[in-house]
Amino acid sequence: MPEIINLLVDTENIRIDKYISLHTDKLSRQKIIELIKAQKIMLNDFPVEPSRKVKAGDRIKIEIPDQESINLIPQDIPFEILYEDEDILVINKPPHLVVHPACGHSEGTLVNALLYRVGSLSTAGGNLKPGIVHRLDKGTSGIMIIAKNDNIHSKLGNMFERHTVKKFYRLLVFSIPRPLAGTIETLYGRDQKNRKKFTTKVREGKKAITIYNTIEQFGDIASLVEAQIITGRTHQIRVHFSEILNCPIIGEDVYSRNRRIRRLDDQGLRDVLAEVDRPLLHSYKIEFTHPLKQKWLSIKCEPPSDFLNVLEILRSKYGRK
């Protein structure tokens, strides 16, 4: 079955392709234009051109065709189970593990690992995403909630939309956030110059909110920070810390390109950080009310060894004695 997205326009005088791009993370601008030309996007039940401007009250219907069939293979890929009952699974995703398959990439993902270890998974996310209610970037490690059936999947999905699932991250960043604690609230959207990136430097976009607190400082070189994301935009923490606080995450090479490493006087630390091959960002804690059992769950897991190794080096060299 194709995926259907319905949007009710809430603004004036903006191109339909741009409006859709600002209001869904699923489609690139080029893909939107392709769907419009294929008459898979309708405005008030009629086909349109990509340049057509919409107005408040207009109805947009988007039909996303099924992806080509992929034969999902169960694979024995290790991951840690933090909590399990008959409805949900809370797991610790290792770094470098892609969450779900895509066309041309059918193996070596968390979904393949789940199929190997879990007897039943929800189907509400589609054929390529059994059990997947939310996701983490490939390089991000830590806690994810997995749905075992469609009923719990729907309830969890609603909770994520209402922001009643509390998600906390630990991250190692360059420099010291100023102020040391606060709330970042910005508009957020795709970078018009690079559609694979996101930015706060937009005139129109979705709202993105991050609450953060600095836990440890290592001279003026780096900090250990906890961040709670109220909204769950793609790359949100990475962008907020890079663009708003000017404290890019260590290992981040999309939004900072590791420029900070070259400025360090400590050659040994430069060598260590140059070997970091992912953003040191870890989904550390998740808190929510179980939608069926109605019990409060607060689940933590410590960062993996690559994160802890860098943290210990920073503590030994620049931590408070």
C-alpha atoms as a PDB file:
ATOM      1  CA  MET A   1       0.000   0.000   0.000  1.00  0.00           C
ATOM      2  CA  PRO A   2       1.298   3.477  -0.819  1.00  0.00           C
ATOM      3  CA  GLU A   3       1.793   5.902   2.068  1.00  0.00           C
ATOM      4  CA  ILE A   4      -0.655   8.819   2.140  1.00  0.00           C
ATOM      5  CA  ILE A   5       0.173  12.155   3.775  1.00  0.00           C
ATOM      6  CA  ASN A   6      -2.480  14.864   4.114  1.00  0.00           C
ATOM      7  CA  LEU A   7      -1.548  18.467   4.861  1.00  0.00           C
ATOM      8  CA  LEU A   8      -3.794  21.431   5.626  1.00  0.00           C
ATOM      9  CA  VAL A   9      -2.069  24.639   4.529  1.00  0.00           C
ATOM     10  CA  ASP A  10      -1.683  27.232   7.308  1.00  0.00           C
ATOM     11  CA  THR A  11       0.172  30.004   5.491  1.00  0.00           C
ATOM     12  CA  GLU A  12      -0.065  32.200   2.384  1.00  0.00           C
ATOM     13  CA  ASN A  13       1.790  32.728  -0.880  1.00  0.00           C
ATOM     14  CA  ILE A  14       4.385  29.931  -0.819  1.00  0.00           C
ATOM     15  CA  ARG A  15       5.193  27.419  -3.564  1.00  0.00           C
ATOM     16  CA  ILE A  16       3.613  24.023  -3.011  1.00  0.00           C
ATOM     17  CA  ASP A  17       6.917  22.152  -3.392  1.00  0.00           C
ATOM     18  CA  LYS A  18       8.558  24.399  -0.801  1.00  0.00           C
ATOM     19  CA  TYR A  19       5.598  24.137   1.578  1.00  0.00           C
ATOM     20  CA  ILE A  20       5.676  20.326   1.490  1.00  0.00           C
ATOM     21  CA  SER A  21       9.457  20.327   2.003  1.00  0.00           C
ATOM     22  CA  LEU A  22       9.042  22.449   5.129  1.00  0.00           C
ATOM     23  CA  HIS A  23       6.270  20.274   6.559  1.00  0.00           C
ATOM     24  CA  THR A  24       7.572  16.743   6.049  1.00  0.00           C
ATOM     25  CA  ASP A  25      11.003  15.194   6.628  1.00  0.00           C
ATOM     26  CA  LYS A  26      10.254  12.206   4.408  1.00  0.00           C
ATOM     27  CA  LEU A  27      10.818  13.815   0.994  1.00  0.00           C
ATOM     28  CA  SER A  28      13.593  15.806  -0.644  1.00  0.00           C
ATOM     29  CA  ARG A  29      12.644  18.835  -2.748  1.00  0.00           C
ATOM     30  CA  GLN A  30      13.557  16.921  -5.919  1.00  0.00           C
ATOM     31  CA  LYS A  31      11.416  13.941  -4.907  1.00  0.00           C
ATOM     32  CA  ILE A  32       8.500  16.293  -4.218  1.00  0.00           C
ATOM     33  CA  ILE A  33       8.805  17.761  -7.703  1.00  0.00           C
ATOM     34  CA  GLU A  34       8.916  14.258  -9.206  1.00  0.00           C
ATOM     35  CA  LEU A  35       5.754  13.276  -7.319  1.00  0.00           C
ATOM     36  CA  ILE A  36       3.981  16.470  -8.415  1.00  0.00           C
ATOM     37  CA  LYS A  37       4.832  15.804 -12.058  1.00  0.00           C
ATOM     38  CA  ALA A  38       3.630  12.197 -11.677  1.00  0.00           C
ATOM     39  CA  GLN A  39       0.343  13.560 -10.254  1.00  0.00           C
ATOM     40  CA  LYS A  40       0.971  11.843  -6.935  1.00  0.00           C
ATOM     41  CA  ILE A  41       0.515  15.171  -5.162  1.00  0.00           C
ATOM     42  CA  MET A  42      -2.878  16.838  -5.430  1.00  0.00           C
ATOM     43  CA  LEU A  43      -3.999  20.296  -4.342  1.00  0.00           C
ATOM     44  CA  ASN A  44      -7.672  20.402  -3.421  1.00  0.00           C
ATOM     45  CA  ASP A  45      -8.068  17.126  -5.374  1.00  0.00           C
ATOM     46  CA  PHE A  46      -6.501  18.522  -8.577  1.00  0.00           C
ATOM     47  CA  PRO A  47      -2.993  18.107 -10.061  1.00  0.00           C
ATOM     48  CA  VAL A  48      -0.730  21.166  -9.981  1.00  0.00           C
ATOM     49  CA  GLU A  49       2.667  22.457 -11.089  1.00  0.00           C
ATOM     50  CA  PRO A  50       5.573  22.677  -8.594  1.00  0.00           C
ATOM     51  CA  SER A  51       5.511  26.486  -8.854  1.00  0.00           C
ATOM     52  CA  ARG A  52       1.856  26.765  -7.822  1.00  0.00           C
ATOM     53  CA  LYS A  53       1.465  28.892  -4.689  1.00  0.00           C
ATOM     54  CA  VAL A  54      -0.779  27.677  -1.901  1.00  0.00           C
ATOM     55  CA  LYS A  55      -2.962  29.613   0.515  1.00  0.00           C
ATOM     56  CA  ALA A  56      -4.338  28.977   3.988  1.00  0.00           C
ATOM     57  CA  GLY A  57      -7.067  26.362   3.952  1.00  0.00           C
ATOM     58  CA  ASP A  58      -5.783  24.495   0.903  1.00  0.00           C
ATOM     59  CA  ARG A  59      -5.663  20.691   1.162  1.00  0.00           C
ATOM     60  CA  ILE A  60      -2.614  18.796  -0.057  1.00  0.00           C
ATOM     61  CA  LYS A  61      -2.685  15.025  -0.554  1.00  0.00           C
ATOM     62  CA  ILE A  62       0.637  13.248  -1.065  1.00  0.00           C
ATOM     63  CA  GLU A  63       0.839   9.646  -2.259  1.00  0.00           C
ATOM     64  CA  ILE A  64       4.224   8.020  -1.725  1.00  0.00           C
ATOM     65  CA  PRO A  65       4.440   4.815  -3.803  1.00  0.00           C
ATOM     66  CA  ASP A  66       5.655   1.604  -2.210  1.00  0.00           C
ATOM     67  CA  GLN A  67       9.392   1.075  -2.269  1.00  0.00           C
ATOM     68  CA  GLU A  68      10.572  -1.917  -4.253  1.00  0.00           C
ATOM     69  CA  SER A  69      10.245  -5.176  -2.368  1.00  0.00           C
ATOM     70  CA  ILE A  70      13.211  -6.155  -0.213  1.00  0.00           C
ATOM     71  CA  ASN A  71      13.662  -9.606   1.243  1.00  0.00           C
ATOM     72  CA  LEU A  72      14.542  -8.964   4.882  1.00  0.00           C
ATOM     73  CA  ILE A  73      16.996 -11.477   6.299  1.00  0.00           C
ATOM     74  CA  PRO A  74      17.246 -12.169  10.061  1.00  0.00           C
ATOM     75  CA  GLN A  75      20.866 -11.685  11.134  1.00  0.00           C
ATOM     76  CA  ASP A  76      22.669 -12.352  14.401  1.00  0.00           C
ATOM     77  CA  ILE A  77      23.864  -8.796  15.058  1.00  0.00           C
ATOM     78  CA  PRO A  78      24.449  -8.109  18.765  1.00  0.00           C
ATOM     79  CA  PHE A  79      22.526  -5.465  20.673  1.00  0.00           C
ATOM     80  CA  GLU A  80      21.554  -5.071  24.331  1.00  0.00           C
ATOM     81  CA  ILE A  81      17.979  -5.467  25.560  1.00  0.00           C
ATOM     82  CA  LEU A  82      17.299  -3.046  28.434  1.00  0.00           C
ATOM     83  CA  TYR A  83      13.602  -3.821  29.002  1.00  0.00           C
ATOM     84  CA  GLU A  84      11.123  -6.273  27.498  1.00  0.00           C
ATOM     85  CA  ASP A  85       7.507  -7.282  27.962  1.00  0.00           C
ATOM     86  CA  GLU A  86       4.836  -8.722  25.676  1.00  0.00           C
ATOM     87  CA  ASP A  87       4.313  -5.364  23.912  1.00  0.00           C
ATOM     88  CA  ILE A  88       7.534  -3.389  23.811  1.00  0.00           C
ATOM     89  CA  LEU A  89      11.271  -3.767  23.735  1.00  0.00           C
ATOM     90  CA  VAL A  90      13.729  -1.083  24.848  1.00  0.00           C
ATOM     91  CA  ILE A  91      17.153  -1.641  23.345  1.00  0.00           C
ATOM     92  CA  ASN A  92      20.627  -0.115  23.282  1.00  0.00           C
ATOM     93  CA  LYS A  93      21.570   0.485  19.644  1.00  0.00           C
ATOM     94  CA  PRO A  94      25.311   0.184  18.985  1.00  0.00           C
ATOM     95  CA  PRO A  95      27.019   3.012  17.087  1.00  0.00           C
ATOM     96  CA  HIS A  96      27.490   2.562  13.320  1.00  0.00           C
ATOM     97  CA  LEU A  97      24.352   0.401  13.048  1.00  0.00           C
ATOM     98  CA  VAL A  98      21.782   1.611  10.500  1.00  0.00           C
ATOM     99  CA  VAL A  99      18.252   1.340  11.915  1.00  0.00           C
ATOM    100  CA  HIS A 100      16.334  -0.040   8.940  1.00  0.00           C
ATOM    101  CA  PRO A 101      16.973  -1.327   5.399  1.00  0.00           C
ATOM    102  CA  ALA A 102      16.457   0.713   2.259  1.00  0.00           C
ATOM    103  CA  CYS A 103      16.503  -0.099  -1.418  1.00  0.00           C
ATOM    104  CA  GLY A 104      19.937  -1.450  -2.254  1.00  0.00           C
ATOM    105  CA  HIS A 105      20.816  -1.914   1.425  1.00  0.00           C
ATOM    106  CA  SER A 106      18.932  -4.905   2.806  1.00  0.00           C
ATOM    107  CA  GLU A 107      21.356  -6.363   5.350  1.00  0.00           C
ATOM    108  CA  GLY A 108      23.329  -5.419   8.433  1.00  0.00           C
ATOM    109  CA  THR A 109      20.685  -3.186  10.060  1.00  0.00           C
ATOM    110  CA  LEU A 110      18.949  -3.093  13.419  1.00  0.00           C
ATOM    111  CA  VAL A 111      15.806  -4.466  11.739  1.00  0.00           C
ATOM    112  CA  ASN A 112      17.756  -7.533  10.582  1.00  0.00           C
ATOM    113  CA  ALA A 113      18.967  -7.993  14.162  1.00  0.00           C
ATOM    114  CA  LEU A 114      15.447  -7.598  15.572  1.00  0.00           C
ATOM    115  CA  LEU A 115      14.052 -10.196  13.172  1.00  0.00           C
ATOM    116  CA  TYR A 116      16.670 -12.652  14.451  1.00  0.00           C
ATOM    117  CA  ARG A 117      15.990 -12.116  18.168  1.00  0.00           C
ATOM    118  CA  VAL A 118      12.351 -11.034  18.487  1.00  0.00           C
ATOM    119  CA  GLY A 119       9.397 -13.302  17.770  1.00  0.00           C
ATOM    120  CA  SER A 120       6.879 -10.625  16.811  1.00  0.00           C
ATOM    121  CA  LEU A 121       7.207  -7.036  15.565  1.00  0.00           C
ATOM    122  CA  SER A 122       4.672  -4.398  14.553  1.00  0.00           C
ATOM    123  CA  THR A 123       3.926  -3.846  10.862  1.00  0.00           C
ATOM    124  CA  ALA A 124       2.520  -0.306  11.150  1.00  0.00           C
ATOM    125  CA  GLY A 125       5.811   1.253  10.038  1.00  0.00           C
ATOM    126  CA  GLY A 126       5.792  -0.565   6.713  1.00  0.00           C
ATOM    127  CA  ASN A 127       7.550  -3.588   5.272  1.00  0.00           C
ATOM    128  CA  LEU A 128      11.045  -2.177   5.741  1.00  0.00           C
ATOM    129  CA  LYS A 129      10.572  -0.961   9.308  1.00  0.00           C
ATOM    130  CA  PRO A 130       8.995  -3.728  11.420  1.00  0.00           C
ATOM    131  CA  GLY A 131       8.871  -2.599  15.036  1.00  0.00           C
ATOM    132  CA  ILE A 132      10.444   0.790  14.356  1.00  0.00           C
ATOM    133  CA  VAL A 133       8.557   3.623  16.066  1.00  0.00           C
ATOM    134  CA  HIS A 134      11.391   6.184  16.044  1.00  0.00           C
ATOM    135  CA  ARG A 135      14.980   6.157  14.881  1.00  0.00           C
ATOM    136  CA  LEU A 136      18.532   7.196  15.678  1.00  0.00           C
ATOM    137  CA  ASP A 137      21.143   8.238  13.143  1.00  0.00           C
ATOM    138  CA  LYS A 138      23.626   5.570  12.115  1.00  0.00           C
ATOM    139  CA  GLY A 139      26.407   7.117  14.203  1.00  0.00           C
ATOM    140  CA  THR A 140      24.269   7.764  17.279  1.00  0.00           C
ATOM    141  CA  SER A 141      24.235   5.076  19.951  1.00  0.00           C
ATOM    142  CA  GLY A 142      21.771   4.335  22.701  1.00  0.00           C
ATOM    143  CA  ILE A 143      18.157   3.798  23.663  1.00  0.00           C
ATOM    144  CA  MET A 144      15.332   3.042  21.251  1.00  0.00           C
ATOM    145  CA  ILE A 145      11.787   1.757  21.855  1.00  0.00           C
ATOM    146  CA  ILE A 146      10.627  -1.106  19.619  1.00  0.00           C
ATOM    147  CA  ALA A 147       6.945  -2.048  19.148  1.00  0.00           C
ATOM    148  CA  LYS A 148       5.968  -5.729  19.094  1.00  0.00           C
ATOM    149  CA  ASN A 149       2.454  -5.206  17.716  1.00  0.00           C
ATOM    150  CA  ASP A 150       0.468  -2.608  15.777  1.00  0.00           C
ATOM    151  CA  ASN A 151      -1.695  -1.590  18.727  1.00  0.00           C
ATOM    152  CA  ILE A 152       1.271  -0.521  20.847  1.00  0.00           C
ATOM    153  CA  HIS A 153       2.972   0.994  17.784  1.00  0.00           C
ATOM    154  CA  SER A 154       0.011   3.335  17.249  1.00  0.00           C
ATOM    155  CA  LYS A 155      -0.095   4.354  20.911  1.00  0.00           C
ATOM    156  CA  LEU A 156       3.649   4.978  21.061  1.00  0.00           C
ATOM    157  CA  GLY A 157       3.509   6.945  17.810  1.00  0.00           C
ATOM    158  CA  ASN A 158       0.871   9.225  19.301  1.00  0.00           C
ATOM    159  CA  MET A 159       3.003   9.692  22.408  1.00  0.00           C
ATOM    160  CA  PHE A 160       6.013  10.752  20.333  1.00  0.00           C
ATOM    161  CA  GLU A 161       3.832  13.203  18.393  1.00  0.00           C
ATOM    162  CA  ARG A 162       2.550  14.700  21.662  1.00  0.00           C
ATOM    163  CA  HIS A 163       6.120  14.847  23.041  1.00  0.00           C
ATOM    164  CA  THR A 164       5.181  12.800  26.121  1.00  0.00           C
ATOM    165  CA  VAL A 165       8.187  10.492  25.671  1.00  0.00           C
ATOM    166  CA  LYS A 166      11.155  12.191  27.365  1.00  0.00           C
ATOM    167  CA  LYS A 167      14.461  11.614  25.554  1.00  0.00           C
ATOM    168  CA  PHE A 168      17.816  12.535  27.097  1.00  0.00           C
ATOM    169  CA  TYR A 169      21.197  12.421  25.367  1.00  0.00           C
ATOM    170  CA  ARG A 170      24.800  12.642  26.530  1.00  0.00           C
ATOM    171  CA  LEU A 171      27.271  14.310  24.187  1.00  0.00           C
ATOM    172  CA  LEU A 172      30.877  15.473  24.133  1.00  0.00           C
ATOM    173  CA  VAL A 173      31.304  18.858  22.505  1.00  0.00           C
ATOM    174  CA  PHE A 174      34.133  21.224  21.709  1.00  0.00           C
ATOM    175  CA  SER A 175      34.400  24.365  23.875  1.00  0.00           C
ATOM    176  CA  ILE A 176      32.012  25.389  26.679  1.00  0.00           C
ATOM    177  CA  PRO A 177      28.317  26.131  26.051  1.00  0.00           C
ATOM    178  CA  ARG A 178      27.354  29.688  26.990  1.00  0.00           C
ATOM    179  CA  PRO A 179      25.241  29.837  29.023  1.00  0.00           C
ATOM    180  CA  LEU A 180      26.082  26.540  30.708  1.00  0.00           C
ATOM    181  CA  ALA A 181      22.396  25.541  30.716  1.00  0.00           C
ATOM    182  CA  GLY A 182      19.405  26.723  28.779  1.00  0.00           C
ATOM    183  CA  THR A 183      16.713  26.095  26.206  1.00  0.00           C
ATOM    184  CA  ILE A 184      17.281  26.449  22.466  1.00  0.00           C
ATOM    185  CA  GLU A 185      14.158  27.149  20.415  1.00  0.00           C
ATOM    186  CA  THR A 186      14.494  27.812  16.686  1.00  0.00           C
ATOM    187  CA  LEU A 187      12.870  27.361  13.336  1.00  0.00           C
ATOM    188  CA  TYR A 188      14.293  24.348  11.557  1.00  0.00           C
ATOM    189  CA  GLY A 189      14.388  23.030   8.013  1.00  0.00           C
ATOM    190  CA  ARG A 190      16.483  21.644   5.201  1.00  0.00           C
ATOM    191  CA  ASP A 191      19.527  23.558   4.024  1.00  0.00           C
ATOM    192  CA  GLN A 192      18.613  24.927   0.597  1.00  0.00           C
ATOM    193  CA  LYS A 193      22.236  24.595  -0.577  1.00  0.00           C
ATOM    194  CA  ASN A 194      22.622  20.979   0.581  1.00  0.00           C
ATOM    195  CA  ARG A 195      19.438  18.921   0.883  1.00  0.00           C
ATOM    196  CA  LYS A 196      21.175  16.300   3.022  1.00  0.00           C
ATOM    197  CA  LYS A 197      21.780  18.870   5.761  1.00  0.00           C
ATOM    198  CA  PHE A 198      19.473  20.773   8.103  1.00  0.00           C
ATOM    199  CA  THR A 199      19.733  24.281   9.491  1.00  0.00           C
ATOM    200  CA  THR A 200      18.187  26.831  11.829  1.00  0.00           C
ATOM    201  CA  LYS A 201      18.885  29.556   9.271  1.00  0.00           C
ATOM    202  CA  VAL A 202      15.468  29.451   7.648  1.00  0.00           C
ATOM    203  CA  ARG A 203      12.666  32.005   7.388  1.00  0.00           C
ATOM    204  CA  GLU A 204       9.993  29.329   7.515  1.00  0.00           C
ATOM    205  CA  GLY A 205      10.173  25.893   9.069  1.00  0.00           C
ATOM    206  CA  LYS A 206       9.190  23.610  11.898  1.00  0.00           C
ATOM    207  CA  LYS A 207       9.914  24.452  15.515  1.00  0.00           C
ATOM    208  CA  ALA A 208      12.872  22.701  17.169  1.00  0.00           C
ATOM    209  CA  ILE A 209      13.410  22.783  20.947  1.00  0.00           C
ATOM    210  CA  THR A 210      16.424  21.448  22.872  1.00  0.00           C
ATOM    211  CA  ILE A 211      17.001  21.776  26.630  1.00  0.00           C
ATOM    212  CA  TYR A 212      20.623  21.319  27.724  1.00  0.00           C
ATOM    213  CA  ASN A 213      22.803  21.315  30.825  1.00  0.00           C
ATOM    214  CA  THR A 214      26.606  21.219  31.017  1.00  0.00           C
ATOM    215  CA  ILE A 215      27.721  18.379  33.311  1.00  0.00           C
ATOM    216  CA  GLU A 216      31.541  18.651  33.163  1.00  0.00           C
ATOM    217  CA  GLN A 217      34.025  21.114  31.677  1.00  0.00           C
ATOM    218  CA  PHE A 218      37.514  20.229  30.487  1.00  0.00           C
ATOM    219  CA  GLY A 219      39.390  23.521  30.527  1.00  0.00           C
ATOM    220  CA  ASP A 220      38.126  25.531  27.592  1.00  0.00           C
ATOM    221  CA  ILE A 221      38.627  22.593  25.232  1.00  0.00           C
ATOM    222  CA  ALA A 222      35.537  20.420  25.644  1.00  0.00           C
ATOM    223  CA  SER A 223      32.444  19.669  27.733  1.00  0.00           C
ATOM    224  CA  LEU A 224      30.204  16.771  28.660  1.00  0.00           C
ATOM    225  CA  VAL A 225      26.602  17.880  28.163  1.00  0.00           C
ATOM    226  CA  GLU A 226      23.146  16.406  28.670  1.00  0.00           C
ATOM    227  CA  ALA A 227      20.467  17.418  26.178  1.00  0.00           C
ATOM    228  CA  GLN A 228      16.749  16.734  26.209  1.00  0.00           C
ATOM    229  CA  ILE A 229      15.009  17.060  22.868  1.00  0.00           C
ATOM    230  CA  ILE A 230      11.426  18.241  23.115  1.00  0.00           C
ATOM    231  CA  THR A 231      10.982  17.966  19.359  1.00  0.00           C
ATOM    232  CA  GLY A 232      12.645  15.182  17.393  1.00  0.00           C
ATOM    233  CA  ARG A 233      13.924  16.822  14.221  1.00  0.00           C
ATOM    234  CA  THR A 234      16.529  15.060  12.099  1.00  0.00           C
ATOM    235  CA  HIS A 235      20.058  16.045  13.266  1.00  0.00           C
ATOM    236  CA  GLN A 236      18.487  18.455  15.777  1.00  0.00           C
ATOM    237  CA  ILE A 237      21.110  18.200  18.528  1.00  0.00           C
ATOM    238  CA  ARG A 238      23.972  18.249  16.042  1.00  0.00           C
ATOM    239  CA  VAL A 239      22.662  21.416  14.387  1.00  0.00           C
ATOM    240  CA  HIS A 240      21.675  23.259  17.574  1.00  0.00           C
ATOM    241  CA  PHE A 241      25.047  22.729  19.202  1.00  0.00           C
ATOM    242  CA  SER A 242      26.962  23.641  16.068  1.00  0.00           C
ATOM    243  CA  GLU A 243      24.951  26.636  14.845  1.00  0.00           C
ATOM    244  CA  ILE A 244      23.460  28.106  18.027  1.00  0.00           C
ATOM    245  CA  LEU A 245      26.041  27.336  20.732  1.00  0.00           C
ATOM    246  CA  ASN A 246      29.113  27.136  18.479  1.00  0.00           C
ATOM    247  CA  CYS A 247      30.005  23.901  20.297  1.00  0.00           C
ATOM    248  CA  PRO A 248      30.003  21.167  17.643  1.00  0.00           C
ATOM    249  CA  ILE A 249      29.886  17.568  18.804  1.00  0.00           C
ATOM    250  CA  ILE A 250      33.267  15.833  18.817  1.00  0.00           C
ATOM    251  CA  GLY A 251      33.423  13.521  15.790  1.00  0.00           C
ATOM    252  CA  GLU A 252      30.795  15.530  13.894  1.00  0.00           C
ATOM    253  CA  ASP A 253      32.031  16.016  10.313  1.00  0.00           C
ATOM    254  CA  VAL A 254      28.833  17.163   8.579  1.00  0.00           C
ATOM    255  CA  TYR A 255      28.227  20.406  10.463  1.00  0.00           C
ATOM    256  CA  SER A 256      31.757  21.202  11.680  1.00  0.00           C
ATOM    257  CA  ARG A 257      34.264  19.192   9.581  1.00  0.00           C
ATOM    258  CA  ASN A 258      36.536  18.681  12.608  1.00  0.00           C
ATOM    259  CA  ARG A 259      38.073  22.158  12.281  1.00  0.00           C
ATOM    260  CA  ARG A 260      38.428  22.375  16.064  1.00  0.00           C
ATOM    261  CA  ILE A 261      40.894  19.455  16.192  1.00  0.00           C
ATOM    262  CA  ARG A 262      43.496  21.313  14.150  1.00  0.00           C
ATOM    263  CA  ARG A 263      43.432  24.221  16.621  1.00  0.00           C
ATOM    264  CA  LEU A 264      44.425  22.102  19.641  1.00  0.00           C
ATOM    265  CA  ASP A 265      47.943  22.542  21.036  1.00  0.00           C
ATOM    266  CA  ASP A 266      47.897  19.053  22.599  1.00  0.00           C
ATOM    267  CA  GLN A 267      49.209  16.738  19.869  1.00  0.00           C
ATOM    268  CA  GLY A 268      48.233  13.617  21.811  1.00  0.00           C
ATOM    269  CA  LEU A 269      44.630  14.792  22.147  1.00  0.00           C
ATOM    270  CA  ARG A 270      44.595  15.805  18.484  1.00  0.00           C
ATOM    271  CA  ASP A 271      45.618  12.273  17.535  1.00  0.00           C
ATOM    272  CA  VAL A 272      42.923  10.723  19.756  1.00  0.00           C
ATOM    273  CA  LEU A 273      40.133  12.953  18.440  1.00  0.00           C
ATOM    274  CA  ALA A 274      41.223  12.478  14.827  1.00  0.00           C
ATOM    275  CA  GLU A 275      40.443   8.770  15.239  1.00  0.00           C
ATOM    276  CA  VAL A 276      36.854   9.395  16.354  1.00  0.00           C
ATOM    277  CA  ASP A 277      34.705   8.133  13.482  1.00  0.00           C
ATOM    278  CA  ARG A 278      31.222   9.235  14.590  1.00  0.00           C
ATOM    279  CA  PRO A 279      29.567  12.068  16.500  1.00  0.00           C
ATOM    280  CA  LEU A 280      29.975  11.294  20.212  1.00  0.00           C
ATOM    281  CA  LEU A 281      26.233  11.460  20.814  1.00  0.00           C
ATOM    282  CA  HIS A 282      24.442   8.856  22.912  1.00  0.00           C
ATOM    283  CA  SER A 283      20.749   8.361  23.696  1.00  0.00           C
ATOM    284  CA  TYR A 284      21.275   8.021  27.434  1.00  0.00           C
ATOM    285  CA  LYS A 285      17.852   7.910  29.073  1.00  0.00           C
ATOM    286  CA  ILE A 286      14.206   7.579  28.079  1.00  0.00           C
ATOM    287  CA  GLU A 287      11.170   8.131  30.296  1.00  0.00           C
ATOM    288  CA  PHE A 288       7.519   7.465  29.516  1.00  0.00           C
ATOM    289  CA  THR A 289       4.314   5.970  30.843  1.00  0.00           C
ATOM    290  CA  HIS A 290       3.745   2.498  29.415  1.00  0.00           C
ATOM    291  CA  PRO A 291       0.620   3.055  27.273  1.00  0.00           C
ATOM    292  CA  LEU A 292      -0.981  -0.277  28.251  1.00  0.00           C
ATOM    293  CA  LYS A 293       0.399  -1.072  31.705  1.00  0.00           C
ATOM    294  CA  GLN A 294       0.150   2.595  32.776  1.00  0.00           C
ATOM    295  CA  LYS A 295       3.409   2.332  34.712  1.00  0.00           C
ATOM    296  CA  TRP A 296       6.199   4.875  34.614  1.00  0.00           C
ATOM    297  CA  LEU A 297       9.402   3.654  32.979  1.00  0.00           C
ATOM    298  CA  SER A 298      12.760   5.398  33.335  1.00  0.00           C
ATOM    299  CA  ILE A 299      15.523   3.515  31.543  1.00  0.00           C
ATOM    300  CA  LYS A 300      19.206   4.454  31.255  1.00  0.00           C
ATOM    301  CA  CYS A 301      22.245   3.043  29.549  1.00  0.00           C
ATOM    302  CA  GLU A 302      25.836   4.242  29.669  1.00  0.00           C
ATOM    303  CA  PRO A 303      27.653   5.351  26.502  1.00  0.00           C
ATOM    304  CA  PRO A 304      29.774   2.810  24.598  1.00  0.00           C
ATOM    305  CA  SER A 305      33.519   2.391  24.904  1.00  0.00           C
ATOM    306  CA  ASP A 306      34.565   4.877  22.182  1.00  0.00           C
ATOM    307  CA  PHE A 307      32.644   7.654  23.957  1.00  0.00           C
ATOM    308  CA  LEU A 308      33.942   6.665  27.409  1.00  0.00           C
ATOM    309  CA  ASN A 309      37.553   6.410  26.200  1.00  0.00           C
ATOM    310  CA  VAL A 310      37.536  10.015  24.982  1.00  0.00           C
ATOM    311  CA  LEU A 311      35.758  11.122  28.150  1.00  0.00           C
ATOM    312  CA  GLU A 312      38.381   9.498  30.376  1.00  0.00           C
ATOM    313  CA  ILE A 313      41.233  11.093  28.407  1.00  0.00           C
ATOM    314  CA  LEU A 314      39.622  14.529  28.754  1.00  0.00           C
ATOM    315  CA  ARG A 315      39.095  13.943  32.489  1.00  0.00           C
ATOM    316  CA  SER A 316      42.678  12.812  33.040  1.00  0.00           C
ATOM    317  CA  LYS A 317      44.202  15.729  31.100  1.00  0.00           C
ATOM    318  CA  TYR A 318      41.830  18.603  31.760  1.00  0.00           C
ATOM    319  CA  GLY A 319      39.370  17.567  34.456  1.00  0.00           C
ATOM    320  CA  ARG A 320      39.203  19.210  37.853  1.00  0.00           C
ATOM    321  CA  LYS A 321      41.819  17.737  40.184  1.00  0.00           C
END
